[in-house]
Amino acid sequence: GVPKCANTGSSCDSLALLNGRGTMTSGNEPNLSNTNRNGAACTDGNSGSYQIDESIEQITVTAGDIISGTPVPSGDFIVEGGRAYVTVKLWCWNTGASDTA
């Protein structure tokens, strides 16, 4: 399933839960499939090689805001309707020019 924060706090981190993608070569995702599309599973796909082809490795959500392009943590708890920013560690294919969200 989709990762969720274990505890309340000012940030939440997926740690190593997302490493890899599907059953791709040398990068089997330990908790596949952890994607969600309107409450339904949405598989990542298995083609490619780990750390060569696209994969999302880590997601961190932190209470705070982006000011002049810089993340500024607030130290407050993450709450519904509150402001937060998301940091994503990922692998792009080649130069990343063909990868879009």
N, C-alpha and C. Protein backbone atom coordinates (compact mmCIF):
# COMPACT_ATOMS: atom_id res chain seq x y z
N GLY A 1 0.80 -1.20 0.00
CA GLY A 1 0.00 0.00 0.00
C GLY A 1 0.84 1.25 0.00
N VAL A 2 0.19 2.36 0.00
CA VAL A 2 0.83 3.67 -0.01
C VAL A 2 1.42 3.96 1.37
N PRO A 3 2.68 4.44 1.45
CA PRO A 3 3.27 4.76 2.76
C PRO A 3 2.50 5.87 3.45
N LYS A 4 2.48 5.82 4.77
CA LYS A 4 1.88 6.90 5.54
C LYS A 4 2.77 7.19 6.73
N CYS A 5 2.61 8.36 7.31
CA CYS A 5 3.42 8.74 8.46
C CYS A 5 3.04 7.89 9.67
N ALA A 6 4.05 7.36 10.34
CA ALA A 6 3.80 6.53 11.52
C ALA A 6 3.45 7.39 12.74
N ASN A 7 3.99 8.61 12.80
CA ASN A 7 3.80 9.48 13.95
C ASN A 7 3.46 10.90 13.48
N THR A 8 2.82 11.65 14.35
CA THR A 8 2.57 13.06 14.04
C THR A 8 3.86 13.83 14.25
N GLY A 9 4.03 14.92 13.52
CA GLY A 9 5.22 15.73 13.66
C GLY A 9 5.31 16.79 12.60
N SER A 10 6.49 17.41 12.51
CA SER A 10 6.68 18.49 11.55
C SER A 10 7.14 17.99 10.19
N SER A 11 7.52 16.70 10.10
CA SER A 11 7.88 16.14 8.80
C SER A 11 7.62 14.64 8.80
N CYS A 12 7.54 14.10 7.59
CA CYS A 12 7.30 12.68 7.39
C CYS A 12 8.17 12.24 6.22
N ASP A 13 8.89 11.12 6.37
CA ASP A 13 9.86 10.69 5.39
C ASP A 13 9.62 9.23 5.04
N SER A 14 9.63 8.90 3.75
CA SER A 14 9.43 7.52 3.33
C SER A 14 10.65 6.64 3.59
N LEU A 15 11.79 7.25 3.91
CA LEU A 15 13.05 6.53 4.14
C LEU A 15 13.32 5.59 2.96
N ALA A 16 13.57 4.31 3.19
CA ALA A 16 13.91 3.38 2.11
C ALA A 16 12.70 2.62 1.57
N LEU A 17 11.49 2.98 1.99
CA LEU A 17 10.29 2.24 1.59
C LEU A 17 10.04 2.26 0.08
N LEU A 18 10.53 3.27 -0.62
CA LEU A 18 10.23 3.43 -2.04
C LEU A 18 11.36 3.02 -2.96
N ASN A 19 12.52 2.65 -2.43
CA ASN A 19 13.67 2.35 -3.28
C ASN A 19 13.33 1.34 -4.36
N GLY A 20 13.78 1.61 -5.57
CA GLY A 20 13.53 0.72 -6.70
C GLY A 20 12.21 1.04 -7.38
N ARG A 21 11.82 0.14 -8.30
CA ARG A 21 10.54 0.30 -9.00
C ARG A 21 10.09 -1.07 -9.48
N GLY A 22 8.94 -1.50 -9.03
CA GLY A 22 8.41 -2.79 -9.46
C GLY A 22 9.42 -3.90 -9.25
N THR A 23 9.66 -4.68 -10.29
CA THR A 23 10.66 -5.75 -10.24
C THR A 23 11.78 -5.46 -11.23
N MET A 24 12.11 -4.18 -11.44
CA MET A 24 13.13 -3.81 -12.42
C MET A 24 14.48 -4.44 -12.07
N THR A 25 15.33 -4.61 -13.07
CA THR A 25 16.63 -5.22 -12.93
C THR A 25 17.46 -4.53 -11.84
N SER A 26 17.93 -5.31 -10.87
CA SER A 26 18.78 -4.85 -9.76
C SER A 26 18.13 -3.80 -8.88
N GLY A 27 16.80 -3.66 -8.92
CA GLY A 27 16.14 -2.65 -8.10
C GLY A 27 14.73 -3.01 -7.73
N ASN A 28 14.52 -4.25 -7.27
CA ASN A 28 13.18 -4.65 -6.85
C ASN A 28 12.69 -3.75 -5.73
N GLU A 29 11.54 -3.17 -5.93
CA GLU A 29 10.94 -2.29 -4.93
C GLU A 29 10.44 -3.15 -3.76
N PRO A 30 10.92 -2.90 -2.55
CA PRO A 30 10.59 -3.78 -1.43
C PRO A 30 9.11 -3.77 -1.03
N ASN A 31 8.39 -2.72 -1.34
CA ASN A 31 6.99 -2.61 -0.90
C ASN A 31 6.06 -2.35 -2.07
N LEU A 32 6.31 -2.99 -3.22
CA LEU A 32 5.51 -2.69 -4.39
C LEU A 32 4.08 -3.18 -4.22
N SER A 33 3.17 -2.72 -4.92
CA SER A 33 3.15 -1.41 -5.52
C SER A 33 2.62 -0.43 -4.48
N ASN A 34 3.32 0.65 -4.29
CA ASN A 34 2.91 1.62 -3.29
C ASN A 34 2.40 2.91 -3.93
N THR A 35 1.84 2.78 -5.09
CA THR A 35 1.22 3.93 -5.75
C THR A 35 -0.28 3.87 -5.55
N ASN A 36 -0.92 5.00 -5.68
CA ASN A 36 -2.35 5.09 -5.42
C ASN A 36 -2.98 6.02 -6.44
N ARG A 37 -4.05 5.59 -7.05
CA ARG A 37 -4.77 6.43 -7.98
C ARG A 37 -6.24 6.41 -7.58
N ASN A 38 -6.66 7.44 -6.89
CA ASN A 38 -8.05 7.54 -6.42
C ASN A 38 -8.47 6.31 -5.62
N GLY A 39 -7.58 5.86 -4.73
CA GLY A 39 -7.90 4.73 -3.87
C GLY A 39 -7.65 3.37 -4.49
N ALA A 40 -7.18 3.32 -5.74
CA ALA A 40 -6.93 2.04 -6.40
C ALA A 40 -5.43 1.89 -6.67
N ALA A 41 -4.94 0.67 -6.63
CA ALA A 41 -3.53 0.43 -6.92
C ALA A 41 -3.21 0.86 -8.35
N CYS A 42 -2.02 1.37 -8.55
CA CYS A 42 -1.57 1.82 -9.86
C CYS A 42 -0.11 1.39 -9.98
N THR A 43 0.14 0.31 -10.68
CA THR A 43 1.48 -0.26 -10.71
C THR A 43 2.49 0.66 -11.39
N ASP A 44 3.73 0.57 -10.92
CA ASP A 44 4.82 1.41 -11.42
C ASP A 44 5.37 0.97 -12.76
N GLY A 45 5.36 -0.32 -13.03
CA GLY A 45 6.01 -0.86 -14.22
C GLY A 45 7.34 -1.49 -13.84
N ASN A 46 7.77 -2.46 -14.61
CA ASN A 46 8.95 -3.25 -14.26
C ASN A 46 10.11 -3.10 -15.22
N SER A 47 9.95 -2.39 -16.32
CA SER A 47 11.03 -2.32 -17.31
C SER A 47 12.12 -1.37 -16.86
N GLY A 48 13.33 -1.63 -17.35
CA GLY A 48 14.45 -0.76 -17.07
C GLY A 48 15.43 -1.36 -16.08
N SER A 49 16.44 -0.57 -15.73
CA SER A 49 17.49 -0.96 -14.79
C SER A 49 17.57 0.06 -13.67
N TYR A 50 17.81 -0.43 -12.49
CA TYR A 50 17.85 0.42 -11.30
C TYR A 50 18.96 1.45 -11.38
N GLN A 51 18.66 2.67 -11.01
CA GLN A 51 19.54 3.83 -11.00
C GLN A 51 20.06 4.18 -12.40
N ILE A 52 19.34 3.70 -13.42
CA ILE A 52 19.58 4.12 -14.80
C ILE A 52 18.27 4.66 -15.37
N ASP A 53 17.18 3.94 -15.10
CA ASP A 53 15.85 4.38 -15.54
C ASP A 53 15.10 5.02 -14.37
N GLU A 54 13.98 5.65 -14.69
CA GLU A 54 13.23 6.45 -13.74
C GLU A 54 12.75 5.64 -12.52
N SER A 55 12.90 6.25 -11.35
CA SER A 55 12.29 5.72 -10.13
C SER A 55 12.27 6.81 -9.07
N ILE A 56 11.24 6.79 -8.26
CA ILE A 56 11.15 7.69 -7.11
C ILE A 56 11.71 6.92 -5.92
N GLU A 57 12.71 7.47 -5.25
CA GLU A 57 13.41 6.78 -4.18
C GLU A 57 12.95 7.20 -2.79
N GLN A 58 12.58 8.45 -2.64
CA GLN A 58 12.25 8.95 -1.31
C GLN A 58 11.36 10.19 -1.42
N ILE A 59 10.39 10.28 -0.54
CA ILE A 59 9.52 11.46 -0.47
C ILE A 59 9.50 11.94 0.97
N THR A 60 9.72 13.24 1.14
CA THR A 60 9.65 13.85 2.46
C THR A 60 8.66 15.01 2.39
N VAL A 61 7.71 15.05 3.33
CA VAL A 61 6.75 16.14 3.45
C VAL A 61 7.09 16.88 4.73
N THR A 62 7.26 18.20 4.64
CA THR A 62 7.65 19.01 5.79
C THR A 62 6.72 20.20 5.94
N ALA A 63 6.26 20.44 7.15
CA ALA A 63 5.43 21.62 7.42
C ALA A 63 6.27 22.86 7.17
N GLY A 64 5.74 23.80 6.39
CA GLY A 64 6.47 25.02 6.10
C GLY A 64 6.01 25.61 4.79
N ASP A 65 6.90 26.37 4.16
CA ASP A 65 6.54 27.09 2.95
C ASP A 65 7.77 27.22 2.07
N ILE A 66 7.56 27.66 0.86
CA ILE A 66 8.65 27.98 -0.06
C ILE A 66 8.70 29.50 -0.16
N ILE A 67 9.83 30.08 0.22
CA ILE A 67 9.99 31.53 0.19
C ILE A 67 11.16 31.84 -0.74
N SER A 68 10.90 32.60 -1.79
CA SER A 68 11.91 32.94 -2.79
C SER A 68 12.62 31.70 -3.31
N GLY A 69 11.87 30.61 -3.52
CA GLY A 69 12.43 29.39 -4.07
C GLY A 69 13.15 28.51 -3.07
N THR A 70 13.17 28.90 -1.79
CA THR A 70 13.88 28.13 -0.77
C THR A 70 12.88 27.54 0.23
N PRO A 71 12.96 26.21 0.50
CA PRO A 71 12.09 25.61 1.51
C PRO A 71 12.43 26.15 2.90
N VAL A 72 11.40 26.57 3.63
CA VAL A 72 11.58 27.09 4.98
C VAL A 72 10.68 26.30 5.93
N PRO A 73 11.25 25.38 6.74
CA PRO A 73 10.43 24.61 7.67
C PRO A 73 9.83 25.53 8.73
N SER A 74 8.59 25.24 9.13
CA SER A 74 7.94 26.06 10.14
C SER A 74 8.14 25.50 11.54
N GLY A 75 8.44 24.19 11.64
CA GLY A 75 8.55 23.55 12.95
C GLY A 75 7.21 23.13 13.50
N ASP A 76 6.11 23.56 12.83
CA ASP A 76 4.77 23.17 13.26
C ASP A 76 4.47 21.76 12.80
N PHE A 77 3.38 21.21 13.31
CA PHE A 77 2.92 19.89 12.89
C PHE A 77 2.32 19.97 11.49
N ILE A 78 2.41 18.87 10.75
CA ILE A 78 1.71 18.76 9.48
C ILE A 78 0.23 18.58 9.81
N VAL A 79 -0.61 19.47 9.29
CA VAL A 79 -2.05 19.40 9.58
C VAL A 79 -2.85 19.59 8.29
N GLU A 80 -4.04 19.05 8.29
CA GLU A 80 -4.93 19.22 7.15
C GLU A 80 -5.18 20.71 6.94
N GLY A 81 -5.02 21.16 5.70
CA GLY A 81 -5.23 22.57 5.37
C GLY A 81 -4.02 23.44 5.65
N GLY A 82 -2.98 22.89 6.31
CA GLY A 82 -1.77 23.65 6.61
C GLY A 82 -0.84 23.69 5.40
N ARG A 83 0.19 24.50 5.47
CA ARG A 83 1.14 24.61 4.38
C ARG A 83 2.28 23.62 4.59
N ALA A 84 2.73 23.01 3.51
CA ALA A 84 3.82 22.06 3.56
C ALA A 84 4.53 22.05 2.21
N TYR A 85 5.75 21.57 2.20
CA TYR A 85 6.46 21.39 0.94
C TYR A 85 6.93 19.95 0.85
N VAL A 86 7.14 19.50 -0.36
CA VAL A 86 7.50 18.11 -0.63
C VAL A 86 8.88 18.08 -1.28
N THR A 87 9.75 17.23 -0.77
CA THR A 87 11.06 17.00 -1.36
C THR A 87 11.08 15.57 -1.88
N VAL A 88 11.49 15.40 -3.13
CA VAL A 88 11.49 14.07 -3.76
C VAL A 88 12.90 13.76 -4.27
N LYS A 89 13.42 12.59 -3.86
CA LYS A 89 14.67 12.08 -4.40
C LYS A 89 14.30 11.09 -5.49
N LEU A 90 14.83 11.29 -6.71
CA LEU A 90 14.45 10.43 -7.82
C LEU A 90 15.60 10.22 -8.77
N TRP A 91 15.43 9.22 -9.63
CA TRP A 91 16.36 8.96 -10.72
C TRP A 91 15.65 9.29 -12.01
N CYS A 92 16.27 10.10 -12.83
CA CYS A 92 15.75 10.42 -14.16
C CYS A 92 16.50 9.57 -15.18
N TRP A 93 15.85 9.31 -16.30
CA TRP A 93 16.51 8.59 -17.37
C TRP A 93 17.36 9.56 -18.17
N ASN A 94 18.61 9.20 -18.43
CA ASN A 94 19.52 9.97 -19.26
C ASN A 94 19.65 11.39 -18.70
N THR A 95 19.31 12.41 -19.46
CA THR A 95 19.45 13.78 -18.97
C THR A 95 18.22 14.25 -18.21
N GLY A 96 17.13 13.47 -18.27
CA GLY A 96 15.88 13.86 -17.63
C GLY A 96 15.00 14.71 -18.52
N ALA A 97 15.49 15.09 -19.70
CA ALA A 97 14.74 15.98 -20.58
C ALA A 97 13.42 15.37 -21.05
N SER A 98 13.35 14.05 -21.14
CA SER A 98 12.13 13.41 -21.61
C SER A 98 11.20 12.97 -20.47
N ASP A 99 11.62 13.20 -19.24
CA ASP A 99 10.81 12.82 -18.08
C ASP A 99 9.95 14.00 -17.64
N THR A 100 8.66 13.77 -17.54
CA THR A 100 7.73 14.81 -17.12
C THR A 100 6.78 14.27 -16.08
N ALA A 101 6.21 15.16 -15.32
CA ALA A 101 5.25 14.76 -14.28
C ALA A 101 3.87 15.26 -14.66
